[in-house]
Amino acid sequence: EIANDQSIAMRLRVLEGQADPRQWYFRGP
């Protein structure tokens, strides 16, 4: 079982372009 952590990992502010979080994949390991 995983405890769902609601703490904030990052914040994003759009400077230019259209915001569509459905398309947002933040590439990690």
PDB file of all heavy atoms in Angstrom:
ATOM      1  N   GLU A   1       0.850  -1.192   0.000  1.00  0.00           N
ATOM      2  CA  GLU A   1       0.000   0.000   0.000  1.00  0.00           C
ATOM      3  C   GLU A   1       0.883   1.239   0.000  1.00  0.00           C
ATOM      4  O   GLU A   1       1.912   1.270   0.652  1.00  0.00           O
ATOM      5  CB  GLU A   1      -0.917   0.014   1.219  1.00  0.00           C
ATOM      6  CG  GLU A   1      -1.883   1.188   1.236  1.00  0.00           C
ATOM      7  CD  GLU A   1      -2.891   1.077   2.369  1.00  0.00           C
ATOM      8  OE1 GLU A   1      -2.910   0.032   3.041  1.00  0.00           O
ATOM      9  OE2 GLU A   1      -3.633   2.037   2.567  1.00  0.00           O
ATOM     10  N   ILE A   2       0.500   2.217  -0.762  1.00  0.00           N
ATOM     11  CA  ILE A   2       1.258   3.465  -0.842  1.00  0.00           C
ATOM     12  C   ILE A   2       0.445   4.571  -0.196  1.00  0.00           C
ATOM     13  O   ILE A   2      -0.737   4.734  -0.484  1.00  0.00           O
ATOM     14  CB  ILE A   2       1.577   3.829  -2.300  1.00  0.00           C
ATOM     15  CG1 ILE A   2       2.540   2.803  -2.908  1.00  0.00           C
ATOM     16  CG2 ILE A   2       2.205   5.208  -2.384  1.00  0.00           C
ATOM     17  CD1 ILE A   2       2.907   3.103  -4.324  1.00  0.00           C
ATOM     18  N   ALA A   3       1.068   5.330   0.698  1.00  0.00           N
ATOM     19  CA  ALA A   3       0.395   6.495   1.274  1.00  0.00           C
ATOM     20  C   ALA A   3       0.478   7.628   0.265  1.00  0.00           C
ATOM     21  O   ALA A   3       1.550   8.006  -0.169  1.00  0.00           O
ATOM     22  CB  ALA A   3       1.072   6.893   2.584  1.00  0.00           C
ATOM     23  N   ASN A   4      -0.657   8.127  -0.127  1.00  0.00           N
ATOM     24  CA  ASN A   4      -0.700   9.185  -1.141  1.00  0.00           C
ATOM     25  C   ASN A   4      -0.251  10.495  -0.527  1.00  0.00           C
ATOM     26  O   ASN A   4      -0.900  11.021   0.365  1.00  0.00           O
ATOM     27  CB  ASN A   4      -2.126   9.306  -1.679  1.00  0.00           C
ATOM     28  CG  ASN A   4      -2.151   9.598  -3.155  1.00  0.00           C
ATOM     29  OD1 ASN A   4      -1.228  10.224  -3.667  1.00  0.00           O
ATOM     30  ND2 ASN A   4      -3.187   9.150  -3.828  1.00  0.00           N
ATOM     31  N   ASP A   5       0.864  10.994  -0.994  1.00  0.00           N
ATOM     32  CA  ASP A   5       1.474  12.200  -0.437  1.00  0.00           C
ATOM     33  C   ASP A   5       0.966  13.418  -1.202  1.00  0.00           C
ATOM     34  O   ASP A   5       1.249  13.568  -2.386  1.00  0.00           O
ATOM     35  CB  ASP A   5       2.993  12.082  -0.546  1.00  0.00           C
ATOM     36  CG  ASP A   5       3.697  13.282   0.052  1.00  0.00           C
ATOM     37  OD1 ASP A   5       3.018  14.098   0.697  1.00  0.00           O
ATOM     38  OD2 ASP A   5       4.914  13.403  -0.134  1.00  0.00           O
ATOM     39  N   GLN A   6       0.250  14.294  -0.519  1.00  0.00           N
ATOM     40  CA  GLN A   6      -0.323  15.476  -1.161  1.00  0.00           C
ATOM     41  C   GLN A   6       0.595  16.686  -1.078  1.00  0.00           C
ATOM     42  O   GLN A   6       0.183  17.790  -1.441  1.00  0.00           O
ATOM     43  CB  GLN A   6      -1.672  15.811  -0.510  1.00  0.00           C
ATOM     44  CG  GLN A   6      -2.748  14.758  -0.728  1.00  0.00           C
ATOM     45  CD  GLN A   6      -3.132  14.617  -2.193  1.00  0.00           C
ATOM     46  OE1 GLN A   6      -3.287  15.607  -2.899  1.00  0.00           O
ATOM     47  NE2 GLN A   6      -3.270  13.379  -2.646  1.00  0.00           N
ATOM     48  N   SER A   7       1.813  16.510  -0.610  1.00  0.00           N
ATOM     49  CA  SER A   7       2.733  17.651  -0.557  1.00  0.00           C
ATOM     50  C   SER A   7       3.119  18.073  -1.970  1.00  0.00           C
ATOM     51  O   SER A   7       3.032  17.302  -2.924  1.00  0.00           O
ATOM     52  CB  SER A   7       3.973  17.299   0.258  1.00  0.00           C
ATOM     53  OG  SER A   7       4.698  16.257  -0.364  1.00  0.00           O
ATOM     54  N   ILE A   8       3.579  19.298  -2.086  1.00  0.00           N
ATOM     55  CA  ILE A   8       3.852  19.883  -3.401  1.00  0.00           C
ATOM     56  C   ILE A   8       5.257  19.490  -3.855  1.00  0.00           C
ATOM     57  O   ILE A   8       6.229  19.609  -3.106  1.00  0.00           O
ATOM     58  CB  ILE A   8       3.695  21.413  -3.344  1.00  0.00           C
ATOM     59  CG1 ILE A   8       2.231  21.762  -3.069  1.00  0.00           C
ATOM     60  CG2 ILE A   8       4.158  22.067  -4.634  1.00  0.00           C
ATOM     61  CD1 ILE A   8       1.976  23.234  -2.900  1.00  0.00           C
ATOM     62  N   ALA A   9       5.351  19.005  -5.090  1.00  0.00           N
ATOM     63  CA  ALA A   9       6.638  18.663  -5.691  1.00  0.00           C
ATOM     64  C   ALA A   9       7.205  19.835  -6.474  1.00  0.00           C
ATOM     65  O   ALA A   9       8.409  20.085  -6.440  1.00  0.00           O
ATOM     66  CB  ALA A   9       6.490  17.442  -6.598  1.00  0.00           C
ATOM     67  N   MET A  10       6.352  20.561  -7.185  1.00  0.00           N
ATOM     68  CA  MET A  10       6.807  21.695  -7.982  1.00  0.00           C
ATOM     69  C   MET A  10       5.616  22.571  -8.326  1.00  0.00           C
ATOM     70  O   MET A  10       4.459  22.162  -8.209  1.00  0.00           O
ATOM     71  CB  MET A  10       7.517  21.215  -9.260  1.00  0.00           C
ATOM     72  CG  MET A  10       6.628  20.450 -10.213  1.00  0.00           C
ATOM     73  SD  MET A  10       7.530  19.801 -11.649  1.00  0.00           S
ATOM     74  CE  MET A  10       8.173  18.283 -10.978  1.00  0.00           C
ATOM     75  N   ARG A  11       5.916  23.790  -8.754  1.00  0.00           N
ATOM     76  CA  ARG A  11       4.909  24.733  -9.228  1.00  0.00           C
ATOM     77  C   ARG A  11       5.344  25.249 -10.592  1.00  0.00           C
ATOM     78  O   ARG A  11       6.520  25.560 -10.791  1.00  0.00           O
ATOM     79  CB  ARG A  11       4.735  25.901  -8.250  1.00  0.00           C
ATOM     80  CG  ARG A  11       4.120  25.529  -6.907  1.00  0.00           C
ATOM     81  CD  ARG A  11       4.034  26.764  -6.019  1.00  0.00           C
ATOM     82  NE  ARG A  11       3.304  26.531  -4.788  1.00  0.00           N
ATOM     83  CZ  ARG A  11       3.860  26.125  -3.652  1.00  0.00           C
ATOM     84  NH1 ARG A  11       5.160  25.895  -3.611  1.00  0.00           N
ATOM     85  NH2 ARG A  11       3.131  25.946  -2.565  1.00  0.00           N
ATOM     86  N   LEU A  12       4.389  25.343 -11.497  1.00  0.00           N
ATOM     87  CA  LEU A  12       4.695  25.771 -12.863  1.00  0.00           C
ATOM     88  C   LEU A  12       3.864  26.998 -13.203  1.00  0.00           C
ATOM     89  O   LEU A  12       2.647  27.012 -12.985  1.00  0.00           O
ATOM     90  CB  LEU A  12       4.429  24.643 -13.849  1.00  0.00           C
ATOM     91  CG  LEU A  12       4.781  24.906 -15.310  1.00  0.00           C
ATOM     92  CD1 LEU A  12       5.318  23.622 -15.966  1.00  0.00           C
ATOM     93  CD2 LEU A  12       3.582  25.406 -16.113  1.00  0.00           C
ATOM     94  N   ARG A  13       4.522  28.012 -13.729  1.00  0.00           N
ATOM     95  CA  ARG A  13       3.847  29.217 -14.202  1.00  0.00           C
ATOM     96  C   ARG A  13       4.095  29.352 -15.700  1.00  0.00           C
ATOM     97  O   ARG A  13       5.249  29.371 -16.142  1.00  0.00           O
ATOM     98  CB  ARG A  13       4.350  30.449 -13.452  1.00  0.00           C
ATOM     99  CG  ARG A  13       3.651  31.745 -13.858  1.00  0.00           C
ATOM    100  CD  ARG A  13       3.899  32.820 -12.805  1.00  0.00           C
ATOM    101  NE  ARG A  13       5.303  33.169 -12.718  1.00  0.00           N
ATOM    102  CZ  ARG A  13       5.857  34.220 -13.334  1.00  0.00           C
ATOM    103  NH1 ARG A  13       5.103  34.996 -14.110  1.00  0.00           N
ATOM    104  NH2 ARG A  13       7.136  34.494 -13.192  1.00  0.00           N
ATOM    105  N   VAL A  14       3.025  29.422 -16.464  1.00  0.00           N
ATOM    106  CA  VAL A  14       3.129  29.513 -17.919  1.00  0.00           C
ATOM    107  C   VAL A  14       3.495  30.946 -18.292  1.00  0.00           C
ATOM    108  O   VAL A  14       2.807  31.895 -17.912  1.00  0.00           O
ATOM    109  CB  VAL A  14       1.816  29.080 -18.593  1.00  0.00           C
ATOM    110  CG1 VAL A  14       1.899  29.283 -20.103  1.00  0.00           C
ATOM    111  CG2 VAL A  14       1.510  27.626 -18.273  1.00  0.00           C
ATOM    112  N   LEU A  15       4.573  31.094 -19.026  1.00  0.00           N
ATOM    113  CA  LEU A  15       5.019  32.401 -19.493  1.00  0.00           C
ATOM    114  C   LEU A  15       4.596  32.668 -20.933  1.00  0.00           C
ATOM    115  O   LEU A  15       4.380  33.825 -21.310  1.00  0.00           O
ATOM    116  CB  LEU A  15       6.543  32.512 -19.377  1.00  0.00           C
ATOM    117  CG  LEU A  15       7.129  32.274 -17.991  1.00  0.00           C
ATOM    118  CD1 LEU A  15       8.646  32.340 -18.044  1.00  0.00           C
ATOM    119  CD2 LEU A  15       6.589  33.286 -16.988  1.00  0.00           C
ATOM    120  N   GLU A  16       4.507  31.607 -21.719  1.00  0.00           N
ATOM    121  CA  GLU A  16       4.164  31.762 -23.133  1.00  0.00           C
ATOM    122  C   GLU A  16       3.590  30.443 -23.628  1.00  0.00           C
ATOM    123  O   GLU A  16       4.178  29.383 -23.414  1.00  0.00           O
ATOM    124  CB  GLU A  16       5.410  32.135 -23.949  1.00  0.00           C
ATOM    125  CG  GLU A  16       5.179  32.252 -25.437  1.00  0.00           C
ATOM    126  CD  GLU A  16       6.470  32.475 -26.195  1.00  0.00           C
ATOM    127  OE1 GLU A  16       7.386  33.124 -25.633  1.00  0.00           O
ATOM    128  OE2 GLU A  16       6.573  31.986 -27.332  1.00  0.00           O
ATOM    129  N   GLY A  17       2.431  30.490 -24.278  1.00  0.00           N
ATOM    130  CA  GLY A  17       1.813  29.284 -24.790  1.00  0.00           C
ATOM    131  C   GLY A  17       0.524  28.957 -24.060  1.00  0.00           C
ATOM    132  O   GLY A  17       0.090  29.664 -23.141  1.00  0.00           O
ATOM    133  N   GLN A  18      -0.092  27.854 -24.444  1.00  0.00           N
ATOM    134  CA  GLN A  18      -1.381  27.426 -23.905  1.00  0.00           C
ATOM    135  C   GLN A  18      -1.168  26.338 -22.865  1.00  0.00           C
ATOM    136  O   GLN A  18      -0.475  25.355 -23.109  1.00  0.00           O
ATOM    137  CB  GLN A  18      -2.276  26.900 -25.040  1.00  0.00           C
ATOM    138  CG  GLN A  18      -3.702  26.593 -24.617  1.00  0.00           C
ATOM    139  CD  GLN A  18      -4.486  27.842 -24.230  1.00  0.00           C
ATOM    140  OE1 GLN A  18      -4.242  28.913 -24.784  1.00  0.00           O
ATOM    141  NE2 GLN A  18      -5.409  27.710 -23.299  1.00  0.00           N
ATOM    142  N   ALA A  19      -1.785  26.514 -21.703  1.00  0.00           N
ATOM    143  CA  ALA A  19      -1.643  25.540 -20.626  1.00  0.00           C
ATOM    144  C   ALA A  19      -2.653  24.416 -20.797  1.00  0.00           C
ATOM    145  O   ALA A  19      -3.865  24.663 -20.869  1.00  0.00           O
ATOM    146  CB  ALA A  19      -1.842  26.221 -19.271  1.00  0.00           C
ATOM    147  N   ASP A  20      -2.174  23.175 -20.866  1.00  0.00           N
ATOM    148  CA  ASP A  20      -3.027  21.995 -20.936  1.00  0.00           C
ATOM    149  C   ASP A  20      -2.367  20.900 -20.095  1.00  0.00           C
ATOM    150  O   ASP A  20      -1.555  20.126 -20.596  1.00  0.00           O
ATOM    151  CB  ASP A  20      -3.197  21.522 -22.383  1.00  0.00           C
ATOM    152  CG  ASP A  20      -4.213  20.395 -22.494  1.00  0.00           C
ATOM    153  OD1 ASP A  20      -4.729  19.953 -21.450  1.00  0.00           O
ATOM    154  OD2 ASP A  20      -4.484  19.954 -23.632  1.00  0.00           O
ATOM    155  N   PRO A  21      -2.697  20.835 -18.800  1.00  0.00           N
ATOM    156  CA  PRO A  21      -2.017  19.875 -17.921  1.00  0.00           C
ATOM    157  C   PRO A  21      -2.152  18.424 -18.363  1.00  0.00           C
ATOM    158  O   PRO A  21      -1.345  17.585 -17.945  1.00  0.00           O
ATOM    159  CB  PRO A  21      -2.689  20.120 -16.560  1.00  0.00           C
ATOM    160  CG  PRO A  21      -3.211  21.512 -16.629  1.00  0.00           C
ATOM    161  CD  PRO A  21      -3.623  21.702 -18.058  1.00  0.00           C
ATOM    162  N   ARG A  22      -3.157  18.096 -19.173  1.00  0.00           N
ATOM    163  CA  ARG A  22      -3.287  16.710 -19.634  1.00  0.00           C
ATOM    164  C   ARG A  22      -2.083  16.277 -20.455  1.00  0.00           C
ATOM    165  O   ARG A  22      -1.754  15.092 -20.513  1.00  0.00           O
ATOM    166  CB  ARG A  22      -4.559  16.561 -20.470  1.00  0.00           C
ATOM    167  CG  ARG A  22      -5.857  16.808 -19.696  1.00  0.00           C
ATOM    168  CD  ARG A  22      -7.032  16.782 -20.629  1.00  0.00           C
ATOM    169  NE  ARG A  22      -6.920  17.834 -21.655  1.00  0.00           N
ATOM    170  CZ  ARG A  22      -7.783  17.977 -22.650  1.00  0.00           C
ATOM    171  NH1 ARG A  22      -8.807  17.151 -22.767  1.00  0.00           N
ATOM    172  NH2 ARG A  22      -7.612  18.953 -23.530  1.00  0.00           N
ATOM    173  N   GLN A  23      -1.410  17.223 -21.082  1.00  0.00           N
ATOM    174  CA  GLN A  23      -0.258  16.911 -21.925  1.00  0.00           C
ATOM    175  C   GLN A  23       1.062  16.976 -21.173  1.00  0.00           C
ATOM    176  O   GLN A  23       2.106  16.668 -21.749  1.00  0.00           O
ATOM    177  CB  GLN A  23      -0.197  17.888 -23.105  1.00  0.00           C
ATOM    178  CG  GLN A  23      -1.399  17.860 -24.020  1.00  0.00           C
ATOM    179  CD  GLN A  23      -1.293  18.910 -25.122  1.00  0.00           C
ATOM    180  OE1 GLN A  23      -0.466  19.822 -25.046  1.00  0.00           O
ATOM    181  NE2 GLN A  23      -2.139  18.788 -26.133  1.00  0.00           N
ATOM    182  N   TRP A  24       1.029  17.332 -19.915  1.00  0.00           N
ATOM    183  CA  TRP A  24       2.271  17.588 -19.196  1.00  0.00           C
ATOM    184  C   TRP A  24       2.842  16.299 -18.618  1.00  0.00           C
ATOM    185  O   TRP A  24       2.271  15.684 -17.709  1.00  0.00           O
ATOM    186  CB  TRP A  24       2.047  18.594 -18.077  1.00  0.00           C
ATOM    187  CG  TRP A  24       1.728  19.976 -18.589  1.00  0.00           C
ATOM    188  CD1 TRP A  24       1.756  20.401 -19.888  1.00  0.00           C
ATOM    189  CD2 TRP A  24       1.330  21.103 -17.812  1.00  0.00           C
ATOM    190  NE1 TRP A  24       1.404  21.717 -19.970  1.00  0.00           N
ATOM    191  CE2 TRP A  24       1.138  22.189 -18.711  1.00  0.00           C
ATOM    192  CE3 TRP A  24       1.117  21.327 -16.464  1.00  0.00           C
ATOM    193  CZ2 TRP A  24       0.738  23.446 -18.291  1.00  0.00           C
ATOM    194  CZ3 TRP A  24       0.717  22.573 -16.028  1.00  0.00           C
ATOM    195  CH2 TRP A  24       0.538  23.628 -16.946  1.00  0.00           C
ATOM    196  N   TYR A  25       3.990  15.901 -19.133  1.00  0.00           N
ATOM    197  CA  TYR A  25       4.772  14.788 -18.602  1.00  0.00           C
ATOM    198  C   TYR A  25       6.147  15.335 -18.236  1.00  0.00           C
ATOM    199  O   TYR A  25       6.885  15.815 -19.103  1.00  0.00           O
ATOM    200  CB  TYR A  25       4.908  13.662 -19.635  1.00  0.00           C
ATOM    201  CG  TYR A  25       3.665  12.810 -19.793  1.00  0.00           C
ATOM    202  CD1 TYR A  25       2.602  13.243 -20.578  1.00  0.00           C
ATOM    203  CD2 TYR A  25       3.558  11.584 -19.155  1.00  0.00           C
ATOM    204  CE1 TYR A  25       1.459  12.469 -20.726  1.00  0.00           C
ATOM    205  CE2 TYR A  25       2.427  10.794 -19.294  1.00  0.00           C
ATOM    206  CZ  TYR A  25       1.385  11.248 -20.078  1.00  0.00           C
ATOM    207  OH  TYR A  25       0.253  10.474 -20.216  1.00  0.00           O
ATOM    208  N   PHE A  26       6.473  15.269 -16.953  1.00  0.00           N
ATOM    209  CA  PHE A  26       7.762  15.767 -16.472  1.00  0.00           C
ATOM    210  C   PHE A  26       8.720  14.576 -16.397  1.00  0.00           C
ATOM    211  O   PHE A  26       8.557  13.685 -15.562  1.00  0.00           O
ATOM    212  CB  PHE A  26       7.608  16.430 -15.103  1.00  0.00           C
ATOM    213  CG  PHE A  26       6.730  17.651 -15.130  1.00  0.00           C
ATOM    214  CD1 PHE A  26       5.355  17.543 -15.006  1.00  0.00           C
ATOM    215  CD2 PHE A  26       7.280  18.909 -15.303  1.00  0.00           C
ATOM    216  CE1 PHE A  26       4.539  18.664 -15.040  1.00  0.00           C
ATOM    217  CE2 PHE A  26       6.471  20.035 -15.333  1.00  0.00           C
ATOM    218  CZ  PHE A  26       5.097  19.908 -15.210  1.00  0.00           C
ATOM    219  N   ARG A  27       9.684  14.585 -17.264  1.00  0.00           N
ATOM    220  CA  ARG A  27      10.558  13.428 -17.459  1.00  0.00           C
ATOM    221  C   ARG A  27      11.584  13.341 -16.338  1.00  0.00           C
ATOM    222  O   ARG A  27      12.378  14.254 -16.113  1.00  0.00           O
ATOM    223  CB  ARG A  27      11.256  13.538 -18.808  1.00  0.00           C
ATOM    224  CG  ARG A  27      12.026  12.294 -19.230  1.00  0.00           C
ATOM    225  CD  ARG A  27      12.671  12.518 -20.593  1.00  0.00           C
ATOM    226  NE  ARG A  27      13.268  11.309 -21.130  1.00  0.00           N
ATOM    227  CZ  ARG A  27      12.614  10.404 -21.834  1.00  0.00           C
ATOM    228  NH1 ARG A  27      11.316  10.571 -22.104  1.00  0.00           N
ATOM    229  NH2 ARG A  27      13.231   9.333 -22.298  1.00  0.00           N
ATOM    230  N   GLY A  28      11.569  12.203 -15.661  1.00  0.00           N
ATOM    231  CA  GLY A  28      12.519  11.935 -14.602  1.00  0.00           C
ATOM    232  C   GLY A  28      13.400  10.758 -14.958  1.00  0.00           C
ATOM    233  O   GLY A  28      13.799  10.584 -16.116  1.00  0.00           O
ATOM    234  N   PRO A  29      13.720   9.898 -13.977  1.00  0.00           N
ATOM    235  CA  PRO A  29      14.602   8.755 -14.247  1.00  0.00           C
ATOM    236  C   PRO A  29      14.018   7.800 -15.288  1.00  0.00           C
ATOM    237  O   PRO A  29      12.820   7.495 -15.278  1.00  0.00           O
ATOM    238  CB  PRO A  29      14.715   8.066 -12.884  1.00  0.00           C
ATOM    239  CG  PRO A  29      14.403   9.129 -11.892  1.00  0.00           C
ATOM    240  CD  PRO A  29      13.401  10.012 -12.534  1.00  0.00           C
TER     241      PRO A  29
END
